[in-house]
C-alpha atoms as a PDB file:
ATOM      1  CA  GLY A   1      97.319 339.226 171.321  1.00  0.00           C
ATOM      2  CA  ASN A   2      99.520 341.791 172.020  1.00  0.00           C
ATOM      3  CA  ARG A   3      97.925 345.113 171.533  1.00  0.00           C
ATOM      4  CA  MET A   4      99.922 347.648 172.611  1.00  0.00           C
ATOM      5  CA  ASP A   5     100.452 351.496 171.886  1.00  0.00           C
ATOM      6  CA  ALA A   6     102.010 354.157 173.792  1.00  0.00           C
ATOM      7  CA  GLN A   7      98.371 355.022 175.753  1.00  0.00           C
ATOM      8  CA  THR A   8      98.171 351.726 177.050  1.00  0.00           C
ATOM      9  CA  CYS A   9     101.830 351.803 178.491  1.00  0.00           C
ATOM     10  CA  LEU A  10     100.837 354.821 180.121  1.00  0.00           C
ATOM     11  CA  ASN A  11      97.647 353.470 181.420  1.00  0.00           C
ATOM     12  CA  LYS A  12      99.924 350.303 182.678  1.00  0.00           C
ATOM     13  CA  LEU A  13     102.415 352.977 184.453  1.00  0.00           C
ATOM     14  CA  ARG A  14      99.507 354.565 186.274  1.00  0.00           C
ATOM     15  CA  TYR A  15      98.306 351.251 187.479  1.00  0.00           C
ATOM     16  CA  VAL A  16     101.907 350.289 188.793  1.00  0.00           C
ATOM     17  CA  GLY A  17     101.514 353.807 190.810  1.00  0.00           C
ATOM     18  CA  VAL A  18     104.912 354.063 192.282  1.00  0.00           C
ATOM     19  CA  LEU A  19     107.650 354.331 189.427  1.00  0.00           C
ATOM     20  CA  SER A  20     111.499 354.811 189.168  1.00  0.00           C
ATOM     21  CA  PHE A  21     112.801 358.057 187.915  1.00  0.00           C
ATOM     22  CA  ALA A  22     116.458 358.284 187.006  1.00  0.00           C
ATOM     23  CA  THR A  23     118.652 361.445 186.032  1.00  0.00           C
ATOM     24  CA  VAL A  24     122.214 362.178 186.039  1.00  0.00           C
ATOM     25  CA  ASP A  25     123.954 364.700 188.565  1.00  0.00           C
ATOM     26  CA  GLY A  26     126.532 367.182 187.986  1.00  0.00           C
ATOM     27  CA  GLU A  27     129.297 364.815 188.317  1.00  0.00           C
ATOM     28  CA  GLY A  28     127.851 362.317 185.928  1.00  0.00           C
ATOM     29  CA  ASN A  29     126.651 359.830 188.610  1.00  0.00           C
ATOM     30  CA  PRO A  30     123.509 358.099 187.970  1.00  0.00           C
ATOM     31  CA  GLN A  31     120.671 358.785 190.548  1.00  0.00           C
ATOM     32  CA  VAL A  32     117.332 356.871 190.968  1.00  0.00           C
ATOM     33  CA  ARG A  33     114.201 357.658 193.030  1.00  0.00           C
ATOM     34  CA  ASN A  34     110.761 356.320 193.375  1.00  0.00           C
ATOM     35  CA  ILE A  35     108.212 358.949 192.398  1.00  0.00           C
ATOM     36  CA  SER A  36     104.185 358.440 192.892  1.00  0.00           C
ATOM     37  CA  ALA A  37     103.296 361.831 192.665  1.00  0.00           C
ATOM     38  CA  ILE A  38     102.184 361.778 188.931  1.00  0.00           C
ATOM     39  CA  HIS A  39      99.243 362.833 186.887  1.00  0.00           C
ATOM     40  CA  TYR A  40      98.581 361.364 183.620  1.00  0.00           C
ATOM     41  CA  GLU A  41      97.176 363.211 180.596  1.00  0.00           C
ATOM     42  CA  PRO A  42      96.831 361.483 176.974  1.00  0.00           C
ATOM     43  CA  ASP A  43      99.879 363.074 175.589  1.00  0.00           C
ATOM     44  CA  ALA A  44     101.949 364.097 178.728  1.00  0.00           C
ATOM     45  CA  LEU A  45     102.907 362.928 182.115  1.00  0.00           C
ATOM     46  CA  TYR A  46     102.988 365.619 185.161  1.00  0.00           C
ATOM     47  CA  PHE A  47     105.048 364.975 188.404  1.00  0.00           C
ATOM     48  CA  PHE A  48     105.553 366.796 191.627  1.00  0.00           C
ATOM     49  CA  THR A  49     108.777 367.201 193.518  1.00  0.00           C
ATOM     50  CA  ALA A  50     110.173 369.845 195.857  1.00  0.00           C
ATOM     51  CA  ARG A  51     112.401 372.688 194.963  1.00  0.00           C
ATOM     52  CA  GLY A  52     115.161 372.169 197.147  1.00  0.00           C
ATOM     53  CA  LYS A  53     115.806 368.469 196.182  1.00  0.00           C
ATOM     54  CA  ASP A  54     118.741 367.415 194.140  1.00  0.00           C
ATOM     55  CA  PHE A  55     116.324 366.020 191.681  1.00  0.00           C
ATOM     56  CA  CYS A  56     114.685 369.152 191.033  1.00  0.00           C
ATOM     57  CA  LYS A  57     118.173 370.456 190.319  1.00  0.00           C
ATOM     58  CA  GLU A  58     118.905 367.557 187.909  1.00  0.00           C
ATOM     59  CA  LEU A  59     115.930 368.191 186.286  1.00  0.00           C
ATOM     60  CA  LEU A  60     116.525 372.082 185.846  1.00  0.00           C
ATOM     61  CA  ALA A  61     119.918 371.610 184.629  1.00  0.00           C
ATOM     62  CA  ARG A  62     119.445 368.969 181.911  1.00  0.00           C
ATOM     63  CA  GLY A  63     115.826 367.780 181.708  1.00  0.00           C
ATOM     64  CA  LYS A  64     116.440 364.287 180.533  1.00  0.00           C
ATOM     65  CA  VAL A  65     114.949 361.615 182.684  1.00  0.00           C
ATOM     66  CA  GLN A  66     114.067 357.991 182.447  1.00  0.00           C
ATOM     67  CA  ILE A  67     111.175 356.285 184.101  1.00  0.00           C
ATOM     68  CA  LEU A  68     110.839 352.606 184.742  1.00  0.00           C
ATOM     69  CA  GLY A  69     107.776 350.687 185.555  1.00  0.00           C
ATOM     70  CA  TYR A  70     107.199 346.994 186.292  1.00  0.00           C
ATOM     71  CA  THR A  71     103.922 345.102 186.144  1.00  0.00           C
ATOM     72  CA  ARG A  72     103.046 342.089 188.253  1.00  0.00           C
ATOM     73  CA  TYR A  73     102.715 340.305 184.634  1.00  0.00           C
ATOM     74  CA  LYS A  74     106.562 340.635 184.115  1.00  0.00           C
ATOM     75  CA  GLU A  75     106.071 343.706 181.701  1.00  0.00           C
ATOM     76  CA  MET A  76     108.776 346.149 181.603  1.00  0.00           C
ATOM     77  CA  ILE A  77     107.967 349.878 180.643  1.00  0.00           C
ATOM     78  CA  ARG A  78     110.563 352.219 180.088  1.00  0.00           C
ATOM     79  CA  LEU A  79     109.757 355.951 179.218  1.00  0.00           C
ATOM     80  CA  SER A  80     112.743 358.466 178.315  1.00  0.00           C
ATOM     81  CA  GLY A  81     111.826 362.225 177.785  1.00  0.00           C
ATOM     82  CA  THR A  82     112.728 365.601 178.733  1.00  0.00           C
ATOM     83  CA  ALA A  83     110.923 367.139 181.611  1.00  0.00           C
ATOM     84  CA  ALA A  84     110.308 370.903 181.721  1.00  0.00           C
ATOM     85  CA  PRO A  85     108.821 373.171 184.532  1.00  0.00           C
ATOM     86  CA  VAL A  86     104.955 373.675 183.594  1.00  0.00           C
ATOM     87  CA  PRO A  87     104.673 377.779 183.364  1.00  0.00           C
ATOM     88  CA  PRO A  88     104.161 379.740 186.632  1.00  0.00           C
ATOM     89  CA  GLY A  89     100.550 380.574 185.760  1.00  0.00           C
ATOM     90  CA  GLU A  90      99.769 376.683 185.696  1.00  0.00           C
ATOM     91  CA  GLN A  91     101.909 375.548 188.629  1.00  0.00           C
ATOM     92  CA  GLU A  92      99.190 375.610 191.224  1.00  0.00           C
ATOM     93  CA  LYS A  93      96.465 374.072 188.886  1.00  0.00           C
ATOM     94  CA  TRP A  94      98.542 370.915 188.378  1.00  0.00           C
ATOM     95  CA  ARG A  95      99.911 370.651 191.513  1.00  0.00           C
ATOM     96  CA  ASP A  96      96.560 370.738 193.480  1.00  0.00           C
ATOM     97  CA  LEU A  97      95.263 368.164 191.063  1.00  0.00           C
ATOM     98  CA  ILE A  98      98.329 365.854 192.077  1.00  0.00           C
ATOM     99  CA  PHE A  99      97.345 366.548 195.532  1.00  0.00           C
ATOM    100  CA  GLU A 100      94.040 365.519 195.151  1.00  0.00           C
ATOM    101  CA  GLU A 101      94.561 362.256 193.252  1.00  0.00           C
ATOM    102  CA  GLN A 102      97.451 361.438 195.704  1.00  0.00           C
ATOM    103  CA  PRO A 103      95.847 362.082 199.186  1.00  0.00           C
ATOM    104  CA  TYR A 104      98.973 360.884 201.013  1.00  0.00           C
ATOM    105  CA  LEU A 105     100.946 364.055 199.650  1.00  0.00           C
ATOM    106  CA  SER A 106      98.728 366.267 202.423  1.00  0.00           C
ATOM    107  CA  ASN A 107     100.821 364.060 205.144  1.00  0.00           C
ATOM    108  CA  VAL A 108     104.098 364.820 203.452  1.00  0.00           C
ATOM    109  CA  TYR A 109     103.266 368.592 202.571  1.00  0.00           C
ATOM    110  CA  PRO A 110     100.689 369.970 204.729  1.00  0.00           C
ATOM    111  CA  GLY A 111      98.713 373.089 204.157  1.00  0.00           C
ATOM    112  CA  GLU A 112     100.705 375.965 202.792  1.00  0.00           C
ATOM    113  CA  THR A 113     104.335 373.793 202.686  1.00  0.00           C
ATOM    114  CA  ARG A 114     102.738 372.300 199.281  1.00  0.00           C
ATOM    115  CA  SER A 115     104.139 375.666 198.143  1.00  0.00           C
ATOM    116  CA  ILE A 116     107.757 374.456 198.239  1.00  0.00           C
ATOM    117  CA  GLY A 117     106.589 371.999 195.235  1.00  0.00           C
ATOM    118  CA  ILE A 118     107.182 372.431 191.727  1.00  0.00           C
ATOM    119  CA  VAL A 119     105.160 370.578 188.891  1.00  0.00           C
ATOM    120  CA  PHE A 120     107.168 369.049 186.017  1.00  0.00           C
ATOM    121  CA  CYS A 121     105.544 368.049 182.303  1.00  0.00           C
ATOM    122  CA  ILE A 122     106.926 365.337 179.951  1.00  0.00           C
ATOM    123  CA  ARG A 123     105.715 365.758 176.778  1.00  0.00           C
ATOM    124  CA  ASP A 124     107.950 364.457 174.021  1.00  0.00           C
ATOM    125  CA  MET A 125     108.994 360.694 175.093  1.00  0.00           C
ATOM    126  CA  ALA A 126     109.874 357.559 173.740  1.00  0.00           C
ATOM    127  CA  ILE A 127     108.301 354.316 175.655  1.00  0.00           C
ATOM    128  CA  GLU A 128     109.943 350.782 175.488  1.00  0.00           C
ATOM    129  CA  TYR A 129     107.595 348.132 176.089  1.00  0.00           C
ATOM    130  CA  PHE A 130     109.035 344.706 177.126  1.00  0.00           C
ATOM    131  CA  HIS A 131     106.950 341.784 178.266  1.00  0.00           C
ATOM    132  CA  LEU A 132     108.936 338.961 179.729  1.00  0.00           C
ATOM    133  CA  GLY A 133     106.212 336.849 180.701  1.00  0.00           C
ATOM    134  CA  VAL A 134     105.156 335.577 177.435  1.00  0.00           C
ATOM    135  CA  ASN A 135     107.517 333.114 174.648  1.00  0.00           C
ATOM    136  CA  PRO A 136     108.579 334.408 172.920  1.00  0.00           C
ATOM    137  CA  ILE A 137     109.135 337.574 174.605  1.00  0.00           C
ATOM    138  CA  PHE A 138     107.500 340.649 173.144  1.00  0.00           C
ATOM    139  CA  ARG A 139     108.947 344.106 172.588  1.00  0.00           C
ATOM    140  CA  GLU A 140     108.064 347.205 170.952  1.00  0.00           C
ATOM    141  CA  SER A 141     108.746 350.798 171.035  1.00  0.00           C
ATOM    142  CA  TYR A 142     106.201 353.914 170.674  1.00  0.00           C
ATOM    143  CA  THR A 143     106.679 357.602 170.961  1.00  0.00           C
ATOM    144  CA  VAL A 144     104.463 360.496 171.899  1.00  0.00           C
ATOM    145  CA  GLY A 145     104.916 364.132 170.832  1.00  0.00           C
ATOM    146  CA  GLN A 146     108.380 364.695 169.384  1.00  0.00           C
ATOM    147  CA  GLY A 147     109.730 361.806 171.222  1.00  0.00           C
ATOM    148  CA  ARG A 148     112.397 359.659 168.970  1.00  0.00           C
ATOM    149  CA  ALA A 149     112.946 356.130 169.648  1.00  0.00           C
ATOM    150  CA  LYS A 150     116.496 355.145 168.996  1.00  0.00           C
ATOM    151  CA  PRO A 151     116.825 351.759 167.144  1.00  0.00           C
ATOM    152  CA  LYS A 152     118.429 349.160 169.280  1.00  0.00           C
ATOM    153  CA  GLY A 153     119.222 345.202 168.827  1.00  0.00           C
ATOM    154  CA  TYR A 154     120.525 343.706 165.700  1.00  0.00           C
ATOM    155  CA  THR A 155     119.762 343.224 162.020  1.00  0.00           C
ATOM    156  CA  ILE A 156     121.219 340.872 159.535  1.00  0.00           C
ATOM    157  CA  THR A 157     123.343 342.060 156.209  1.00  0.00           C
ATOM    158  CA  GLU A 158     123.839 341.019 152.813  1.00  0.00           C
ATOM    159  CA  ASP A 159     126.933 339.486 153.937  1.00  0.00           C
ATOM    160  CA  CYS A 160     124.638 336.628 155.262  1.00  0.00           C
ATOM    161  CA  VAL A 161     125.655 333.158 154.002  1.00  0.00           C
ATOM    162  CA  SER A 162     122.582 331.513 155.149  1.00  0.00           C
ATOM    163  CA  CYS A 163     124.330 328.902 157.369  1.00  0.00           C
ATOM    164  CA  GLY A 164     121.633 329.296 160.237  1.00  0.00           C
ATOM    165  CA  ALA A 165     124.500 329.567 162.846  1.00  0.00           C
ATOM    166  CA  CYS A 166     122.223 332.511 164.182  1.00  0.00           C
ATOM    167  CA  VAL A 167     119.069 330.927 164.285  1.00  0.00           C
ATOM    168  CA  GLU A 168     120.531 328.039 166.616  1.00  0.00           C
ATOM    169  CA  ALA A 169     121.812 330.493 168.482  1.00  0.00           C
ATOM    170  CA  CYS A 170     118.874 332.580 169.087  1.00  0.00           C
ATOM    171  CA  PRO A 171     117.182 332.053 172.910  1.00  0.00           C
ATOM    172  CA  GLN A 172     113.872 333.303 171.797  1.00  0.00           C
ATOM    173  CA  ARG A 173     113.816 331.570 168.352  1.00  0.00           C
ATOM    174  CA  ALA A 174     113.462 335.304 166.965  1.00  0.00           C
ATOM    175  CA  ILE A 175     115.318 334.532 163.283  1.00  0.00           C
ATOM    176  CA  THR A 176     114.167 333.191 160.211  1.00  0.00           C
ATOM    177  CA  LEU A 177     116.380 331.660 157.782  1.00  0.00           C
ATOM    178  CA  GLY A 178     116.743 333.162 154.695  1.00  0.00           C
ATOM    179  CA  ALA A 179     118.915 335.009 152.096  1.00  0.00           C
ATOM    180  CA  PRO A 180     119.820 337.173 154.262  1.00  0.00           C
ATOM    181  CA  SER A 181     118.235 335.614 157.457  1.00  0.00           C
ATOM    182  CA  VAL A 182     115.877 338.014 159.259  1.00  0.00           C
ATOM    183  CA  ILE A 183     115.783 338.964 162.953  1.00  0.00           C
ATOM    184  CA  HIS A 184     111.952 339.542 164.052  1.00  0.00           C
ATOM    185  CA  GLN A 185     112.345 342.775 166.364  1.00  0.00           C
ATOM    186  CA  GLU A 186     109.387 342.506 168.322  1.00  0.00           C
ATOM    187  CA  HIS A 187     110.740 338.970 169.899  1.00  0.00           C
ATOM    188  CA  CYS A 188     114.502 339.875 170.269  1.00  0.00           C
ATOM    189  CA  LEU A 189     116.274 339.896 173.410  1.00  0.00           C
ATOM    190  CA  HIS A 190     118.858 342.244 172.351  1.00  0.00           C
ATOM    191  CA  CYS A 191     121.387 339.816 173.836  1.00  0.00           C
ATOM    192  CA  GLY A 192     123.890 339.513 171.021  1.00  0.00           C
ATOM    193  CA  ASN A 193     123.972 335.696 170.840  1.00  0.00           C
ATOM    194  CA  CYS A 194     123.519 336.080 166.992  1.00  0.00           C
ATOM    195  CA  VAL A 195     126.537 338.457 166.742  1.00  0.00           C
ATOM    196  CA  GLU A 196     128.859 335.954 168.856  1.00  0.00           C
ATOM    197  CA  HIS A 197     127.895 332.910 166.687  1.00  0.00           C
ATOM    198  CA  CYS A 198     127.909 334.571 163.103  1.00  0.00           C
ATOM    199  CA  PRO A 199     130.921 333.184 161.115  1.00  0.00           C
ATOM    200  CA  VAL A 200     131.102 335.909 158.620  1.00  0.00           C
ATOM    201  CA  ALA A 201     129.980 339.302 160.906  1.00  0.00           C
ATOM    202  CA  ALA A 202     127.141 339.589 159.205  1.00  0.00           C
ATOM    203  CA  VAL A 203     124.801 340.766 162.144  1.00  0.00           C
ATOM    204  CA  ILE A 204     125.335 344.345 163.163  1.00  0.00           C
ATOM    205  CA  PRO A 205     123.873 346.661 165.722  1.00  0.00           C
ATOM    206  CA  ARG A 206     120.752 348.382 164.207  1.00  0.00           C
ATOM    207  CA  GLU A 207     122.019 351.933 164.613  1.00  0.00           C
ATOM    208  CA  GLN A 208     124.727 351.092 162.070  1.00  0.00           C
ATOM    209  CA  GLU A 209     122.371 350.299 159.486  1.00  0.00           C
ATOM    210  CA  THR A 210     122.534 352.637 156.672  1.00  0.00           C
ATOM    211  CA  VAL A 211     119.309 354.089 155.707  1.00  0.00           C
ATOM    212  CA  PRO A 212     119.024 354.115 151.672  1.00  0.00           C
ATOM    213  CA  PRO A 213     118.887 358.062 150.296  1.00  0.00           C
ATOM    214  CA  GLU A 214     115.495 359.156 149.614  1.00  0.00           C
ATOM    215  CA  THR A 215     114.844 358.816 145.810  1.00  0.00           C
END
């Protein structure tokens, strides 16, 4: 079965070890780099970089970061969050813990040179889990802290005429015919083939869904 949650995702990222961290620079250009100087807590992720690096400057300017890991089982785990520097009084504690867990760091920053480092923490995060190694594919989103998952993919509205065109078009057989037909989000690729094949434009992006007002 697919027993997944935020904690399992963080554990899987820890086993992957080296993760890609993406930020945006001052000119709006995407920047990505590999980071392995990471310490995991059940509700947070701590990581080390040097204060002089562009990465550090981008984090201090905006804080937004996206982290990507890929397992040997074809599982993609993407974590989106906001990184903030750990308070000055706690910097040394977390830094030394990361150096203890990642012995190679002592080769990179020997002795006192490790003090050029700064530790950031991510507490509020949204995690997307996407497993391409099963059929149908399996995906789910989770949140930690105040993290918010943005709805992605597509939904079928009441305009549906139950013609079955989307059911035929779906590469993952993730749609059940009905009035309206239903997309099973946990198996959806977000490829949009249903949208392109619907003759009555009944398939819309989930972020356009109107949430009924609370009574």
